[in-house]
């Protein structure tokens, strides 16, 4: 009878030990799940920040492209104005040469008239 009681106590102790170990394992599992959840929340937060930065970069790129296009148009306008100024300067030079010839002719005529 003593042996049966002793076996039953050993079995009960073993069952309690297994239950405690299972409880410890479950607590560790819950802790790991909690740590994993926190890590995933950190990853989610980082991904949201990256997404926001990507959107900001896309917006900035669009704005820069728009500004670059405006600058290009203004450079083209400046080039056109410079071409027009060059053409006007050439015409002015031609007219100046013509006036110089006319002045020389007038001078020659006045020299003959005065002589």
C-alpha atoms as a PDB file:
ATOM      1  CA  UNK A   1       0.000   0.000   0.000  1.00  0.00           C
ATOM      2  CA  UNK A   2       2.876   2.314   0.835  1.00  0.00           C
ATOM      3  CA  UNK A   3       4.363   1.612  -2.560  1.00  0.00           C
ATOM      4  CA  UNK A   4       1.084   2.492  -4.320  1.00  0.00           C
ATOM      5  CA  UNK A   5       0.813   5.743  -2.371  1.00  0.00           C
ATOM      6  CA  UNK A   6       4.426   6.516  -3.131  1.00  0.00           C
ATOM      7  CA  UNK A   7       3.848   5.812  -6.843  1.00  0.00           C
ATOM      8  CA  UNK A   8       0.733   7.975  -6.813  1.00  0.00           C
ATOM      9  CA  UNK A   9       2.636  10.834  -5.135  1.00  0.00           C
ATOM     10  CA  UNK A  10       5.449  10.522  -7.651  1.00  0.00           C
ATOM     11  CA  UNK A  11       2.927  10.518 -10.512  1.00  0.00           C
ATOM     12  CA  UNK A  12       1.134  13.523  -9.048  1.00  0.00           C
ATOM     13  CA  UNK A  13       4.440  15.360  -8.532  1.00  0.00           C
ATOM     14  CA  UNK A  14       5.435  14.525 -12.096  1.00  0.00           C
ATOM     15  CA  UNK A  15       2.054  15.786 -13.367  1.00  0.00           C
ATOM     16  CA  UNK A  16       2.492  19.016 -11.358  1.00  0.00           C
ATOM     17  CA  UNK A  17       6.034  19.417 -12.727  1.00  0.00           C
ATOM     18  CA  UNK A  18       4.740  18.915 -16.275  1.00  0.00           C
ATOM     19  CA  UNK A  19       1.915  21.409 -15.659  1.00  0.00           C
ATOM     20  CA  UNK A  20       4.412  23.978 -14.286  1.00  0.00           C
ATOM     21  CA  UNK A  21       6.734  23.430 -17.235  1.00  0.00           C
ATOM     22  CA  UNK A  22       3.787  23.774 -19.639  1.00  0.00           C
ATOM     23  CA  UNK A  23       2.766  26.969 -17.856  1.00  0.00           C
ATOM     24  CA  UNK A  24       6.334  28.326 -18.095  1.00  0.00           C
ATOM     25  CA  UNK A  25       6.482  27.378 -21.791  1.00  0.00           C
ATOM     26  CA  UNK A  26       3.131  29.087 -22.392  1.00  0.00           C
ATOM     27  CA  UNK A  27       4.329  32.258 -20.608  1.00  0.00           C
ATOM     28  CA  UNK A  28       7.499  32.265 -22.710  1.00  0.00           C
ATOM     29  CA  UNK A  29       5.377  31.775 -25.829  1.00  0.00           C
ATOM     30  CA  UNK A  30       3.157  34.700 -24.835  1.00  0.00           C
ATOM     31  CA  UNK A  31       6.266  36.819 -24.169  1.00  0.00           C
ATOM     32  CA  UNK A  32       7.701  35.939 -27.599  1.00  0.00           C
ATOM     33  CA  UNK A  33       4.388  36.726 -29.275  1.00  0.00           C
ATOM     34  CA  UNK A  34       4.339  40.097 -27.469  1.00  0.00           C
ATOM     35  CA  UNK A  35       7.933  40.830 -28.537  1.00  0.00           C
ATOM     36  CA  UNK A  36       7.110  39.824 -32.108  1.00  0.00           C
ATOM     37  CA  UNK A  37       4.046  42.059 -32.076  1.00  0.00           C
ATOM     38  CA  UNK A  38       6.139  45.008 -30.865  1.00  0.00           C
ATOM     39  CA  UNK A  39       8.751  44.331 -33.565  1.00  0.00           C
ATOM     40  CA  UNK A  40       6.040  44.172 -36.225  1.00  0.00           C
ATOM     41  CA  UNK A  41       4.530  47.431 -34.969  1.00  0.00           C
ATOM     42  CA  UNK A  42       7.988  49.021 -35.236  1.00  0.00           C
ATOM     43  CA  UNK A  43       8.345  47.678 -38.789  1.00  0.00           C
ATOM     44  CA  UNK A  44       4.876  48.968 -39.674  1.00  0.00           C
ATOM     45  CA  UNK A  45       5.729  52.396 -38.292  1.00  0.00           C
ATOM     46  CA  UNK A  46       9.006  52.459 -40.233  1.00  0.00           C
ATOM     47  CA  UNK A  47       7.205  51.434 -43.428  1.00  0.00           C
ATOM     48  CA  UNK A  48       4.649  54.219 -42.922  1.00  0.00           C
ATOM     49  CA  UNK A  49       7.481  56.756 -42.487  1.00  0.00           C
ATOM     50  CA  UNK A  50       9.221  55.415 -45.594  1.00  0.00           C
ATOM     51  CA  UNK A  51       5.963  55.625 -47.541  1.00  0.00           C
ATOM     52  CA  UNK A  52       5.468  59.223 -46.388  1.00  0.00           C
ATOM     53  CA  UNK A  53       9.026  60.133 -47.376  1.00  0.00           C
ATOM     54  CA  UNK A  54       8.536  58.466 -50.762  1.00  0.00           C
ATOM     55  CA  UNK A  55       5.422  60.540 -51.350  1.00  0.00           C
ATOM     56  CA  UNK A  56       7.274  63.704 -50.346  1.00  0.00           C
ATOM     57  CA  UNK A  57      10.125  62.843 -52.707  1.00  0.00           C
ATOM     58  CA  UNK A  58       7.684  62.177 -55.543  1.00  0.00           C
ATOM     59  CA  UNK A  59       6.001  65.538 -54.917  1.00  0.00           C
ATOM     60  CA  UNK A  60       9.367  67.310 -54.741  1.00  0.00           C
ATOM     61  CA  UNK A  61      10.477  65.606 -57.954  1.00  0.00           C
ATOM     62  CA  UNK A  62       7.314  66.750 -59.727  1.00  0.00           C
ATOM     63  CA  UNK A  63       7.844  70.290 -58.473  1.00  0.00           C
ATOM     64  CA  UNK A  64      11.490  70.238 -59.568  1.00  0.00           C
ATOM     65  CA  UNK A  65      10.486  68.974 -63.009  1.00  0.00           C
ATOM     66  CA  UNK A  66       7.954  71.807 -63.266  1.00  0.00           C
ATOM     67  CA  UNK A  67      10.557  74.389 -62.198  1.00  0.00           C
ATOM     68  CA  UNK A  68      13.097  72.916 -64.627  1.00  0.00           C
ATOM     69  CA  UNK A  69      10.537  73.219 -67.434  1.00  0.00           C
ATOM     70  CA  UNK A  70       9.873  76.856 -66.516  1.00  0.00           C
ATOM     71  CA  UNK A  71      13.608  77.579 -66.452  1.00  0.00           C
ATOM     72  CA  UNK A  72      13.991  75.915 -69.843  1.00  0.00           C
ATOM     73  CA  UNK A  73      11.206  78.064 -71.282  1.00  0.00           C
ATOM     74  CA  UNK A  74      12.758  81.211 -69.854  1.00  0.00           C
ATOM     75  CA  UNK A  75      16.171  80.263 -71.273  1.00  0.00           C
ATOM     76  CA  UNK A  76      14.525  79.799 -74.665  1.00  0.00           C
ATOM     77  CA  UNK A  77      12.899  83.238 -74.346  1.00  0.00           C
ATOM     78  CA  UNK A  78      16.263  84.759 -73.399  1.00  0.00           C
ATOM     79  CA  UNK A  79      17.905  83.061 -76.400  1.00  0.00           C
ATOM     80  CA  UNK A  80      15.160  84.393 -78.684  1.00  0.00           C
ATOM     81  CA  UNK A  81      15.584  87.893 -77.220  1.00  0.00           C
ATOM     82  CA  UNK A  82      19.367  87.640 -77.672  1.00  0.00           C
ATOM     83  CA  UNK A  83      18.886  86.582 -81.319  1.00  0.00           C
ATOM     84  CA  UNK A  84      16.492  89.486 -81.843  1.00  0.00           C
ATOM     85  CA  UNK A  85      18.955  91.878 -80.171  1.00  0.00           C
ATOM     86  CA  UNK A  86      21.754  90.573 -82.399  1.00  0.00           C
ATOM     87  CA  UNK A  87      19.571  91.056 -85.461  1.00  0.00           C
ATOM     88  CA  UNK A  88      18.671  94.579 -84.322  1.00  0.00           C
ATOM     89  CA  UNK A  89      22.336  95.367 -83.627  1.00  0.00           C
ATOM     90  CA  UNK A  90      23.254  94.150 -87.109  1.00  0.00           C
ATOM     91  CA  UNK A  91      20.531  96.324 -88.662  1.00  0.00           C
ATOM     92  CA  UNK A  92      21.669  99.284 -86.564  1.00  0.00           C
ATOM     93  CA  UNK A  93      25.248  98.736 -87.699  1.00  0.00           C
ATOM     94  CA  UNK A  94      24.127  98.576 -91.337  1.00  0.00           C
ATOM     95  CA  UNK A  95      22.115 101.787 -90.916  1.00  0.00           C
ATOM     96  CA  UNK A  96      25.062 103.392 -89.143  1.00  0.00           C
ATOM     97  CA  UNK A  97      27.308 102.491 -92.089  1.00  0.00           C
ATOM     98  CA  UNK A  98      24.712 103.903 -94.481  1.00  0.00           C
ATOM     99  CA  UNK A  99      24.503 107.106 -92.414  1.00  0.00           C
ATOM    100  CA  UNK A 100      28.296 107.301 -92.394  1.00  0.00           C
ATOM    101  CA  UNK A 101      28.352 107.066 -96.215  1.00  0.00           C
ATOM    102  CA  UNK A 102      25.559 109.639 -96.454  1.00  0.00           C
ATOM    103  CA  UNK A 103      27.463 111.944 -94.092  1.00  0.00           C
ATOM    104  CA  UNK A 104      30.625 111.487 -96.149  1.00  0.00           C
ATOM    105  CA  UNK A 105      28.709 112.273 -99.347  1.00  0.00           C
ATOM    106  CA  UNK A 106      27.154 115.331 -97.715  1.00  0.00           C
ATOM    107  CA  UNK A 107      30.565 116.419 -96.499  1.00  0.00           C
ATOM    108  CA  UNK A 108      31.938 116.014-100.022  1.00  0.00           C
ATOM    109  CA  UNK A 109      29.087 118.029-101.429  1.00  0.00           C
ATOM    110  CA  UNK A 110      29.521 120.801 -98.872  1.00  0.00           C
ATOM    111  CA  UNK A 111      33.259 120.850 -99.612  1.00  0.00           C
ATOM    112  CA  UNK A 112      32.517 121.341-103.331  1.00  0.00           C
ATOM    113  CA  UNK A 113      29.863 123.898-102.544  1.00  0.00           C
ATOM    114  CA  UNK A 114      32.231 125.857-100.284  1.00  0.00           C
ATOM    115  CA  UNK A 115      35.041 125.714-102.781  1.00  0.00           C
END
